[in-house]
Amino acid sequence: MKKCTTLLISDYGADADAWHKAFSVHDPEADVRTWDGQWKPAEVDAILIDTTMTSRGGFAQFKNLRWVSYLGHGAGDVLSDPTLPAGVIVTRLQDQQLAESVKLSALQSVLSHQQRIVDYRGQQASREWSRIRTKQPSDFSVVVLGMGFIGAQIANMLKDHGFSVSTWSRSKKSIPGIASCTTGAELDELLGRADFVLSILPETPSTRHLFDASKFRLFGPDCAFANLGRGSAVKEDDLVQAIATGQLHCAFLDVFETEPLPSLSPLWSNQRVIITPHAGGALEQVVTALSR
């Protein structure tokens, strides 16, 4: 019986040696190739991927492909790829260690705004010594958008830290102490009274550019926005404009429509935007998980 040949396609920093070592812990005979290694398209049965195939010729070149696994908690980039052959099984990784990484990123961003770190950074630049009044967590309203495997854990974590938490998702959830909303009207109401809006939304036709000028106009001037889900959920030019006009206080962005973020993006120079390079749930966490 032919052994499964698996091709690893990674843009997020896990080198070939690390991956081979991780797989060999479970199966020393595993046939795992890397994009820069030796392989032929016809040999590939399975693909492990953390990026898109846009610049690599698409999935159609793999005539014997049977399975694609997205190394993260959302497989939208794979499922929406028009070159994906019919009948190929698509799965996603659901690993608690990745979830813990995203949870820490979420907590850091919420605490940063609750403690007004962006404002203090501005004061530091002008050598201004002035304390800023902050809200207690119980008076600080956080809206979590997306209640999947990670979103639900983030909502519970923030509740446990004393924050006032509400959620919005496709289907209603039942979590003690956390309000659950599902409709567009409910979302608009939540945005209007939030101190912090945190998106863990997947990429779907309904979430693409959900956050545009019309949505940012609903935010209060002291509200912050964080995106740890999919970059496609945000219309970036509208976000920049919302900050410039005071409709949005600041933003914490870990994902973007184009990654790496282009050097000419105005987000880089915006002092009210904190940028991290898709670091929440980084691929190195997958390698560690496989090595356990």
Protein backbone atom coordinates (compact mmCIF):
# COMPACT_ATOMS: atom_id res chain seq x y z
CA MET A 1 0.00 0.00 0.00
CA LYS A 2 1.39 3.40 -0.99
CA LYS A 3 2.40 5.58 1.94
CA CYS A 4 0.66 8.94 2.10
CA THR A 5 2.89 11.74 0.82
CA THR A 6 2.17 14.97 2.67
CA LEU A 7 3.28 18.39 1.48
CA LEU A 8 3.79 21.19 4.00
CA ILE A 9 3.13 24.72 2.71
CA SER A 10 3.98 27.36 5.28
CA ASP A 11 4.45 31.12 5.25
CA TYR A 12 4.62 31.61 9.00
CA GLY A 13 8.06 30.65 10.16
CA ALA A 14 8.20 26.92 10.93
CA ASP A 15 11.31 25.59 9.17
CA ALA A 16 11.53 22.17 7.55
CA ASP A 17 13.78 20.65 10.21
CA ALA A 18 11.36 21.60 13.00
CA TRP A 19 8.43 20.05 11.14
CA HIS A 20 10.27 16.85 10.28
CA LYS A 21 11.36 16.44 13.87
CA ALA A 22 7.81 16.99 15.12
CA PHE A 23 6.31 14.45 12.74
CA SER A 24 9.02 11.88 13.41
CA VAL A 25 8.02 11.81 17.09
CA HIS A 26 4.75 10.18 16.02
CA ASP A 27 5.85 8.32 12.91
CA PRO A 28 9.54 8.02 11.97
CA GLU A 29 8.48 6.71 8.55
CA ALA A 30 6.18 9.65 7.76
CA ASP A 31 6.69 10.94 4.22
CA VAL A 32 6.50 14.72 4.76
CA ARG A 33 7.87 17.06 2.10
CA THR A 34 8.26 20.85 2.14
CA TRP A 35 7.57 23.32 -0.65
CA ASP A 36 11.28 23.97 -1.17
CA GLY A 37 12.16 20.29 -1.01
CA GLN A 38 12.01 17.45 -3.53
CA TRP A 39 8.51 16.51 -4.70
CA LYS A 40 6.33 16.14 -7.78
CA PRO A 41 2.67 17.24 -7.88
CA ALA A 42 1.46 13.78 -8.83
CA GLU A 43 3.10 12.32 -5.69
CA VAL A 44 1.19 14.52 -3.26
CA ASP A 45 -1.77 12.93 -1.47
CA ALA A 46 -2.26 15.46 1.33
CA ILE A 47 -1.38 19.09 2.00
CA LEU A 48 -0.90 20.85 5.32
CA ILE A 49 -1.13 24.59 4.74
CA ASP A 50 -1.25 27.83 6.73
CA THR A 51 -1.54 30.27 3.84
CA THR A 52 -3.10 30.51 0.38
CA MET A 53 -2.10 28.81 -2.86
CA THR A 54 -2.52 32.05 -4.85
CA SER A 55 1.18 32.52 -5.63
CA ARG A 56 1.95 28.81 -5.94
CA GLY A 57 -0.14 27.77 -8.91
CA GLY A 58 -3.27 26.60 -7.08
CA PHE A 59 -4.45 23.17 -5.97
CA ALA A 60 -5.38 21.88 -9.43
CA GLN A 61 -1.77 20.84 -10.12
CA PHE A 62 -2.11 18.04 -7.54
CA LYS A 63 -3.99 15.42 -9.53
CA ASN A 64 -4.02 12.84 -6.73
CA LEU A 65 -4.82 15.20 -3.86
CA ARG A 66 -7.24 13.70 -1.34
CA TRP A 67 -6.99 15.90 1.76
CA VAL A 68 -6.10 19.48 2.68
CA SER A 69 -5.76 20.51 6.31
CA TYR A 70 -5.60 24.18 7.20
CA LEU A 71 -3.19 24.69 10.10
CA GLY A 72 -5.38 27.06 12.01
CA HIS A 73 -8.94 27.53 13.22
CA GLY A 74 -10.44 28.73 9.94
CA ALA A 75 -10.32 27.04 6.53
CA GLY A 76 -11.96 29.82 4.52
CA ASP A 77 -8.92 30.45 2.31
CA VAL A 78 -8.92 26.81 1.25
CA LEU A 79 -12.67 26.40 0.81
CA SER A 80 -12.97 29.55 -1.29
CA ASP A 81 -10.08 28.63 -3.59
CA PRO A 82 -11.55 27.99 -7.07
CA THR A 83 -8.66 25.65 -7.93
CA LEU A 84 -9.55 23.16 -5.17
CA PRO A 85 -10.62 19.92 -6.91
CA ALA A 86 -14.06 18.54 -6.16
CA GLY A 87 -14.12 15.74 -3.63
CA VAL A 88 -11.01 16.81 -1.70
CA ILE A 89 -11.58 16.61 2.05
CA VAL A 90 -10.84 19.91 3.85
CA THR A 91 -10.26 20.05 7.58
CA ARG A 92 -8.91 22.59 10.05
CA LEU A 93 -6.70 22.27 13.08
CA GLN A 94 -8.44 22.68 16.43
CA ASP A 95 -5.70 22.68 19.03
CA GLN A 96 -5.96 23.97 22.57
CA GLN A 97 -2.42 25.29 22.56
CA LEU A 98 -3.25 27.55 19.61
CA ALA A 99 -6.39 28.63 21.42
CA GLU A 100 -4.34 29.60 24.46
CA SER A 101 -2.09 31.75 22.28
CA VAL A 102 -5.05 33.62 20.79
CA LYS A 103 -6.61 34.02 24.25
CA LEU A 104 -3.46 35.72 25.53
CA SER A 105 -3.47 38.08 22.53
CA ALA A 106 -7.11 38.91 23.20
CA LEU A 107 -6.53 39.56 26.90
CA GLN A 108 -3.50 41.73 26.14
CA SER A 109 -5.45 43.92 23.74
CA VAL A 110 -8.44 44.34 26.08
CA LEU A 111 -6.24 45.16 29.08
CA SER A 112 -4.18 47.56 26.95
CA HIS A 113 -7.25 49.61 26.13
CA GLN A 114 -8.78 49.36 29.59
CA GLN A 115 -5.48 50.73 30.93
CA ARG A 116 -5.30 53.32 28.08
CA ILE A 117 -1.86 52.21 26.91
CA VAL A 118 -2.22 53.86 23.49
CA ASP A 119 -2.94 57.19 25.20
CA TYR A 120 -0.01 56.78 27.57
CA ARG A 121 2.21 56.00 24.60
CA GLY A 122 1.21 59.34 23.11
CA GLN A 123 1.93 61.09 26.40
CA GLN A 124 5.32 59.42 26.58
CA ALA A 125 6.22 60.80 23.16
CA SER A 126 5.43 64.32 24.37
CA ARG A 127 6.97 63.75 27.85
CA GLU A 128 3.63 64.41 29.50
CA TRP A 129 3.07 63.15 33.06
CA SER A 130 -0.69 62.89 33.48
CA ARG A 131 -2.81 60.07 34.85
CA ILE A 132 -5.77 58.99 32.75
CA ARG A 133 -9.00 57.94 34.41
CA THR A 134 -9.83 54.30 33.66
CA LYS A 135 -12.95 52.17 34.05
CA GLN A 136 -13.11 49.20 36.36
CA PRO A 137 -13.47 45.88 34.47
CA SER A 138 -17.06 45.49 35.67
CA ASP A 139 -17.92 48.80 33.98
CA PHE A 140 -15.89 48.02 30.86
CA SER A 141 -18.07 46.50 28.11
CA VAL A 142 -16.41 43.99 25.78
CA VAL A 143 -18.22 42.60 22.74
CA VAL A 144 -16.81 39.33 21.36
CA LEU A 145 -17.80 38.59 17.76
CA GLY A 146 -17.60 34.92 16.81
CA MET A 147 -18.32 32.17 19.33
CA GLY A 148 -16.58 29.16 17.90
CA PHE A 149 -13.94 27.04 19.61
CA ILE A 150 -11.74 30.04 20.45
CA GLY A 151 -14.31 32.82 20.75
CA ALA A 152 -16.26 31.03 23.47
CA GLN A 153 -13.10 30.51 25.50
CA ILE A 154 -12.14 34.17 25.12
CA ALA A 155 -15.58 35.32 26.27
CA ASN A 156 -15.39 33.12 29.36
CA MET A 157 -11.84 34.22 30.12
CA LEU A 158 -12.78 37.91 29.97
CA LYS A 159 -15.83 37.27 32.16
CA ASP A 160 -13.57 35.53 34.69
CA HIS A 161 -11.35 38.65 34.71
CA GLY A 162 -14.37 40.69 35.73
CA PHE A 163 -15.24 42.33 32.39
CA SER A 164 -18.81 42.90 31.24
CA VAL A 165 -19.02 40.56 28.23
CA SER A 166 -21.56 40.31 25.42
CA THR A 167 -21.28 38.15 22.32
CA TRP A 168 -22.56 38.10 18.77
CA SER A 169 -22.55 35.01 16.57
CA ARG A 170 -24.50 33.20 13.88
CA SER A 171 -26.35 31.02 16.40
CA LYS A 172 -27.41 31.86 19.93
CA LYS A 173 -25.17 30.59 22.72
CA SER A 174 -26.02 29.83 26.30
CA ILE A 175 -23.17 30.83 28.63
CA PRO A 176 -23.94 31.88 32.22
CA GLY A 177 -23.22 35.56 32.79
CA ILE A 178 -22.71 36.38 29.11
CA ALA A 179 -25.34 37.95 26.85
CA SER A 180 -25.70 36.26 23.44
CA CYS A 181 -26.95 38.08 20.33
CA THR A 182 -27.43 36.96 16.75
CA THR A 183 -29.26 39.60 14.69
CA GLY A 184 -27.90 42.58 12.76
CA ALA A 185 -29.96 44.99 14.85
CA GLU A 186 -28.57 43.50 18.05
CA LEU A 187 -25.03 43.84 16.70
CA ASP A 188 -25.56 47.53 15.93
CA GLU A 189 -26.86 48.08 19.45
CA LEU A 190 -23.87 46.30 20.99
CA LEU A 191 -21.40 48.35 18.97
CA GLY A 192 -23.02 51.57 20.14
CA ARG A 193 -22.42 50.87 23.82
CA ALA A 194 -19.16 48.90 23.72
CA ASP A 195 -15.84 49.97 25.18
CA PHE A 196 -14.04 47.26 23.23
CA VAL A 197 -15.05 45.22 20.17
CA LEU A 198 -13.11 42.01 19.56
CA SER A 199 -13.55 40.10 16.29
CA ILE A 200 -12.80 36.37 16.16
CA LEU A 201 -15.04 35.97 13.12
CA PRO A 202 -14.29 33.38 10.42
CA GLU A 203 -14.16 34.31 6.75
CA THR A 204 -17.57 33.88 5.14
CA PRO A 205 -19.49 35.89 2.52
CA SER A 206 -21.46 37.54 5.33
CA THR A 207 -18.39 38.59 7.33
CA ARG A 208 -16.37 40.03 4.45
CA HIS A 209 -15.97 43.79 5.03
CA LEU A 210 -18.52 43.60 7.83
CA PHE A 211 -16.60 46.40 9.49
CA ASP A 212 -16.85 49.27 7.05
CA ALA A 213 -17.61 52.98 7.42
CA SER A 214 -21.27 52.32 8.27
CA LYS A 215 -20.33 50.04 11.17
CA PHE A 216 -17.52 52.24 12.49
CA ARG A 217 -19.97 55.15 12.67
CA LEU A 218 -21.82 53.19 15.36
CA PHE A 219 -18.78 53.00 17.64
CA GLY A 220 -18.40 55.40 20.55
CA PRO A 221 -15.35 57.72 20.40
CA ASP A 222 -13.63 55.91 23.29
CA CYS A 223 -14.18 52.44 21.82
CA ALA A 224 -11.31 50.27 20.60
CA PHE A 225 -11.45 47.51 17.99
CA ALA A 226 -9.34 44.36 17.77
CA ASN A 227 -9.22 41.81 14.97
CA LEU A 228 -7.80 38.37 15.74
CA GLY A 229 -10.03 36.45 13.31
CA ARG A 230 -9.79 37.19 9.60
CA GLY A 231 -8.41 40.29 7.91
CA SER A 232 -11.21 40.21 5.34
CA ALA A 233 -13.72 41.25 8.03
CA VAL A 234 -12.34 44.79 8.00
CA LYS A 235 -12.32 47.41 5.27
CA GLU A 236 -8.95 48.83 6.22
CA ASP A 237 -9.28 52.24 4.55
CA ASP A 238 -12.53 52.80 6.44
CA LEU A 239 -10.86 51.85 9.72
CA VAL A 240 -8.08 54.37 9.12
CA GLN A 241 -10.67 57.04 8.36
CA ALA A 242 -12.71 56.16 11.46
CA ILE A 243 -9.67 56.71 13.67
CA ALA A 244 -8.77 59.94 11.90
CA THR A 245 -12.26 61.37 12.45
CA GLY A 246 -12.52 60.20 16.06
CA GLN A 247 -15.24 57.62 15.39
CA LEU A 248 -12.89 54.95 16.73
CA HIS A 249 -10.32 55.48 19.48
CA CYS A 250 -7.72 52.89 18.48
CA ALA A 251 -7.25 49.44 16.95
CA PHE A 252 -5.30 46.28 17.71
CA LEU A 253 -4.79 44.32 14.50
CA ASP A 254 -3.21 40.88 14.17
CA VAL A 255 -4.69 39.90 10.78
CA PHE A 256 -4.97 41.78 7.50
CA GLU A 257 -6.46 41.43 4.04
CA THR A 258 -2.97 41.18 2.54
CA GLU A 259 -0.23 39.46 4.53
CA PRO A 260 2.49 40.44 5.07
CA LEU A 261 1.00 43.91 5.46
CA PRO A 262 2.29 45.99 2.51
CA SER A 263 4.96 48.54 3.47
CA LEU A 264 2.88 51.37 1.97
CA SER A 265 -0.16 50.63 4.13
CA PRO A 266 -1.16 53.71 6.19
CA LEU A 267 -1.74 51.39 9.14
CA TRP A 268 2.01 51.19 9.77
CA SER A 269 2.37 54.88 10.62
CA ASN A 270 -0.89 55.28 12.52
CA GLN A 271 -0.01 55.89 16.16
CA ARG A 272 -3.42 54.64 17.28
CA VAL A 273 -3.01 51.25 15.64
CA ILE A 274 -1.08 48.40 17.26
CA ILE A 275 0.12 45.92 14.63
CA THR A 276 1.22 42.34 15.27
CA PRO A 277 2.21 40.03 12.38
CA HIS A 278 -0.48 37.33 12.66
CA ALA A 279 1.18 36.33 15.93
CA GLY A 280 -1.93 35.11 17.77
CA GLY A 281 -1.97 31.34 17.31
CA ALA A 282 1.35 31.41 15.47
CA LEU A 283 2.38 28.32 13.50
CA GLU A 284 5.25 27.65 15.90
CA GLN A 285 2.52 26.66 18.34
CA VAL A 286 1.46 23.91 15.94
CA VAL A 287 4.98 22.51 15.83
CA THR A 288 5.09 22.46 19.62
CA ALA A 289 1.71 20.77 19.75
CA LEU A 290 2.80 18.08 17.31
CA SER A 291 5.92 17.47 19.39
CA ARG A 292 4.00 16.72 22.57
